[in-house]
N, C-alpha and C. Protein backbone atom coordinates (compact mmCIF):
# COMPACT_ATOMS: atom_id res chain seq x y z
N MET A 1 104.45 41.47 79.11
CA MET A 1 103.03 42.36 79.09
C MET A 1 103.08 43.31 77.78
N GLU A 2 101.80 43.30 77.32
CA GLU A 2 101.67 43.89 75.97
C GLU A 2 101.74 45.45 76.34
N LYS A 3 102.38 45.98 75.24
CA LYS A 3 102.64 47.58 75.24
C LYS A 3 101.34 48.35 75.35
N ASN A 4 100.47 48.06 74.52
CA ASN A 4 99.29 48.71 74.61
C ASN A 4 98.52 48.72 76.05
N TYR A 5 98.62 47.45 76.73
CA TYR A 5 98.11 47.44 78.00
C TYR A 5 98.86 48.21 79.08
N ILE A 6 100.17 48.43 78.92
CA ILE A 6 101.02 49.24 79.59
C ILE A 6 100.73 50.65 79.34
N LYS A 7 100.40 51.10 78.17
CA LYS A 7 100.11 52.42 77.89
C LYS A 7 98.79 52.74 78.47
N GLU A 8 97.78 51.89 78.42
CA GLU A 8 96.50 52.14 79.03
C GLU A 8 96.69 52.44 80.63
N ILE A 9 97.41 51.63 81.08
CA ILE A 9 97.59 51.78 82.63
C ILE A 9 98.28 53.09 82.80
N LYS A 10 99.22 53.59 82.09
CA LYS A 10 99.84 54.79 82.22
C LYS A 10 98.84 55.83 82.05
N ASP A 11 98.07 55.92 80.94
CA ASP A 11 96.88 56.82 80.72
C ASP A 11 96.07 56.89 81.94
N ILE A 12 95.69 55.78 82.53
CA ILE A 12 94.77 55.73 83.79
C ILE A 12 95.16 56.58 84.87
N PHE A 13 96.70 56.43 85.19
CA PHE A 13 97.33 57.29 86.17
C PHE A 13 97.36 58.62 85.79
N ARG A 14 97.54 58.88 84.60
CA ARG A 14 97.62 60.28 84.01
C ARG A 14 96.17 60.91 84.18
N ASN A 15 95.29 60.14 83.81
CA ASN A 15 93.74 60.73 84.06
C ASN A 15 93.25 60.94 85.48
N HIS A 16 93.75 59.83 86.35
CA HIS A 16 93.28 60.01 87.79
C HIS A 16 94.23 61.00 88.57
N ASP A 17 95.54 61.17 88.12
CA ASP A 17 96.32 62.03 88.69
C ASP A 17 96.37 62.00 90.25
N PRO A 18 96.63 60.84 90.82
CA PRO A 18 96.31 60.65 92.29
C PRO A 18 97.03 61.72 93.23
N VAL A 19 98.30 62.21 92.98
CA VAL A 19 99.02 63.07 93.75
C VAL A 19 99.19 64.43 93.12
N ASP A 20 98.11 64.62 92.12
CA ASP A 20 98.16 66.01 91.48
C ASP A 20 99.38 66.43 90.69
N LEU A 21 100.12 65.54 90.26
CA LEU A 21 101.41 66.01 89.64
C LEU A 21 101.02 66.74 88.24
N ILE A 22 100.21 66.23 87.53
CA ILE A 22 99.74 66.73 86.15
C ILE A 22 99.05 68.03 86.33
N ARG A 23 98.31 68.11 87.26
CA ARG A 23 97.54 69.25 87.57
C ARG A 23 98.29 70.53 88.06
N THR A 24 99.55 70.17 88.61
CA THR A 24 100.34 71.22 89.10
C THR A 24 101.63 71.46 88.22
N GLY A 25 101.37 70.90 86.87
CA GLY A 25 102.43 71.32 85.99
C GLY A 25 103.49 70.51 85.65
N ALA A 26 103.44 69.31 86.17
CA ALA A 26 104.35 68.20 85.71
C ALA A 26 104.22 67.85 84.42
N PRO A 27 105.14 67.15 83.77
CA PRO A 27 105.06 66.65 82.42
C PRO A 27 103.90 65.39 82.34
N ASN A 28 103.21 65.23 81.14
CA ASN A 28 102.29 64.38 81.23
C ASN A 28 102.72 62.95 81.27
N ASP A 29 104.06 62.63 81.16
CA ASP A 29 104.70 61.25 81.43
C ASP A 29 105.10 61.08 82.89
N GLU A 30 104.81 62.08 83.77
CA GLU A 30 105.57 62.02 84.98
C GLU A 30 105.16 60.62 85.83
N TYR A 31 104.05 59.98 85.68
CA TYR A 31 103.82 58.88 86.27
C TYR A 31 104.25 57.47 85.68
N ASP A 32 104.91 57.57 84.24
CA ASP A 32 105.30 56.59 83.64
C ASP A 32 106.26 55.72 84.26
N PRO A 33 107.43 56.23 84.64
CA PRO A 33 108.31 55.55 85.39
C PRO A 33 107.86 54.77 86.57
N LEU A 34 107.01 55.41 87.38
CA LEU A 34 106.40 54.68 88.53
C LEU A 34 105.52 53.47 88.06
N VAL A 35 104.86 53.71 87.05
CA VAL A 35 103.96 52.77 86.63
C VAL A 35 104.85 51.41 86.17
N GLU A 36 105.95 51.71 85.44
CA GLU A 36 106.74 50.74 84.90
C GLU A 36 107.59 50.02 85.95
N LYS A 37 108.06 50.66 86.77
CA LYS A 37 108.99 50.02 87.86
C LYS A 37 108.12 49.51 89.20
N PHE A 38 107.03 50.14 89.42
CA PHE A 38 106.36 49.63 90.74
C PHE A 38 105.05 49.02 90.42
N ILE A 39 104.28 49.59 89.52
CA ILE A 39 102.95 49.25 89.40
C ILE A 39 102.60 47.95 88.53
N ILE A 40 103.41 47.97 87.33
CA ILE A 40 103.19 46.73 86.45
C ILE A 40 103.68 45.41 87.30
N PRO A 41 104.85 45.45 88.04
CA PRO A 41 105.22 44.21 88.68
C PRO A 41 104.34 43.67 89.65
N LEU A 42 103.38 44.48 90.17
CA LEU A 42 102.49 44.11 91.27
C LEU A 42 101.13 43.55 90.93
N LEU A 43 100.94 43.87 89.48
CA LEU A 43 99.53 43.57 89.12
C LEU A 43 99.42 42.06 89.09
N ASN A 44 98.23 41.61 89.57
CA ASN A 44 97.88 40.26 89.69
C ASN A 44 96.35 40.10 89.30
N LYS A 45 96.09 39.29 88.37
CA LYS A 45 94.74 39.14 87.97
C LYS A 45 93.90 38.65 89.07
N GLU A 46 94.18 37.96 89.99
CA GLU A 46 93.42 37.53 91.08
C GLU A 46 93.04 38.50 92.12
N ASP A 47 93.63 39.77 91.97
CA ASP A 47 93.24 40.69 93.01
C ASP A 47 92.01 41.42 92.67
N ASP A 48 91.07 41.68 93.66
CA ASP A 48 89.95 42.58 93.21
C ASP A 48 90.28 44.02 93.59
N LYS A 49 89.43 45.01 93.44
CA LYS A 49 89.77 46.38 93.40
C LYS A 49 90.33 46.74 94.69
N TYR A 50 89.97 46.07 95.86
CA TYR A 50 90.35 46.52 97.16
C TYR A 50 91.91 46.15 97.27
N GLU A 51 92.00 45.00 96.91
CA GLU A 51 93.44 44.40 97.23
C GLU A 51 94.37 45.17 96.20
N LEU A 52 94.05 45.26 94.96
CA LEU A 52 94.94 46.18 94.12
C LEU A 52 95.02 47.56 94.59
N GLY A 53 93.75 48.14 95.12
CA GLY A 53 93.84 49.57 95.49
C GLY A 53 94.85 49.65 96.72
N GLU A 54 94.79 48.88 97.51
CA GLU A 54 95.68 48.77 98.68
C GLU A 54 97.12 48.86 98.14
N LYS A 55 97.47 47.91 97.29
CA LYS A 55 98.83 47.75 96.83
C LYS A 55 99.26 49.00 96.19
N LEU A 56 98.43 49.72 95.52
CA LEU A 56 98.65 50.95 94.83
C LEU A 56 99.01 52.14 95.84
N TYR A 57 97.90 52.06 96.80
CA TYR A 57 98.19 53.13 97.91
C TYR A 57 99.56 52.83 98.50
N THR A 58 99.95 51.73 98.84
CA THR A 58 101.24 51.26 99.45
C THR A 58 102.34 51.83 98.64
N VAL A 59 102.22 51.72 97.23
CA VAL A 59 103.35 52.22 96.38
C VAL A 59 103.43 53.79 96.55
N PHE A 60 102.41 54.52 96.45
CA PHE A 60 102.35 55.87 96.50
C PHE A 60 102.91 56.37 97.88
N VAL A 61 102.55 55.61 99.06
CA VAL A 61 103.01 56.02 100.33
C VAL A 61 104.49 55.86 100.48
N ASP A 62 104.78 54.65 99.95
CA ASP A 62 106.34 54.59 99.87
C ASP A 62 107.18 55.52 98.94
N GLN A 63 106.71 55.95 97.96
CA GLN A 63 107.33 56.71 96.92
C GLN A 63 107.19 58.19 97.25
N PHE A 64 106.08 58.56 98.02
CA PHE A 64 105.93 59.96 98.25
C PHE A 64 105.90 60.14 99.83
N ASP A 65 104.74 60.14 100.47
CA ASP A 65 104.44 59.82 101.85
C ASP A 65 102.89 59.82 101.90
N GLU A 66 102.50 59.47 103.20
CA GLU A 66 101.20 59.38 103.46
C GLU A 66 100.23 60.68 103.16
N ASN A 67 100.79 61.85 103.66
CA ASN A 67 100.02 63.16 103.31
C ASN A 67 99.74 63.30 101.67
N ILE A 68 100.97 63.03 101.01
CA ILE A 68 100.85 63.31 99.70
C ILE A 68 100.02 62.40 98.83
N ALA A 69 100.19 60.97 99.53
CA ALA A 69 99.31 59.91 98.94
C ALA A 69 97.82 60.09 99.01
N GLY A 70 97.43 60.75 100.18
CA GLY A 70 96.06 61.21 100.21
C GLY A 70 95.20 59.77 100.62
N ASP A 71 94.03 60.07 100.53
CA ASP A 71 93.03 58.98 100.92
C ASP A 71 93.14 57.65 100.12
N SER A 72 93.27 56.56 100.70
CA SER A 72 93.39 55.31 100.12
C SER A 72 92.31 55.00 99.15
N LYS A 73 91.11 55.47 99.49
CA LYS A 73 89.89 55.23 98.58
C LYS A 73 90.05 55.47 97.14
N LYS A 74 90.83 56.50 96.95
CA LYS A 74 91.03 56.88 95.37
C LYS A 74 91.61 55.74 94.53
N TYR A 75 92.52 55.13 95.39
CA TYR A 75 93.21 54.14 94.63
C TYR A 75 92.29 52.99 94.31
N TYR A 76 91.19 52.81 95.07
CA TYR A 76 90.39 51.71 94.48
C TYR A 76 89.73 51.98 93.24
N LYS A 77 89.39 53.31 93.00
CA LYS A 77 88.90 53.62 91.73
C LYS A 77 90.07 53.51 90.57
N ILE A 78 91.22 53.78 90.85
CA ILE A 78 92.30 53.41 89.83
C ILE A 78 92.32 51.95 89.62
N ALA A 79 92.41 51.22 90.82
CA ALA A 79 92.51 49.73 90.56
C ALA A 79 91.22 49.21 89.72
N GLU A 80 90.04 49.78 90.01
CA GLU A 80 88.78 49.27 89.18
C GLU A 80 89.02 49.74 87.81
N SER A 81 89.64 50.82 87.44
CA SER A 81 89.80 51.20 86.05
C SER A 81 90.81 50.30 85.26
N ILE A 82 92.02 49.85 86.19
CA ILE A 82 92.90 48.81 85.72
C ILE A 82 92.36 47.51 85.48
N LEU A 83 91.40 46.94 86.58
CA LEU A 83 90.89 45.60 86.46
C LEU A 83 89.99 45.59 85.18
N LYS A 84 89.39 46.90 84.69
CA LYS A 84 88.40 46.66 83.52
C LYS A 84 89.22 46.40 82.31
N LEU A 85 90.42 46.78 82.26
CA LEU A 85 91.27 46.36 81.15
C LEU A 85 91.43 44.91 80.82
N SER A 86 91.38 44.10 81.90
CA SER A 86 91.73 42.53 81.69
C SER A 86 90.53 42.03 80.99
């Protein structure tokens, strides 16, 4: 996978900050390991924003918990941003 594409996905997570890590003072690269280890491997060009959004939500529930992950709908917006890169 192209390095620029991965950087853009990291930027999407940094900008959306789905679990408020950046807003609460975490380093700007806080989502990078999560993106590299869990998000990149699950990307599938066949997914629509709902399928990908559910996958993203599942990763965040697994890595944090349901309360921290929050509403699954915000992950559809993240998915939509990722799919626009393709």
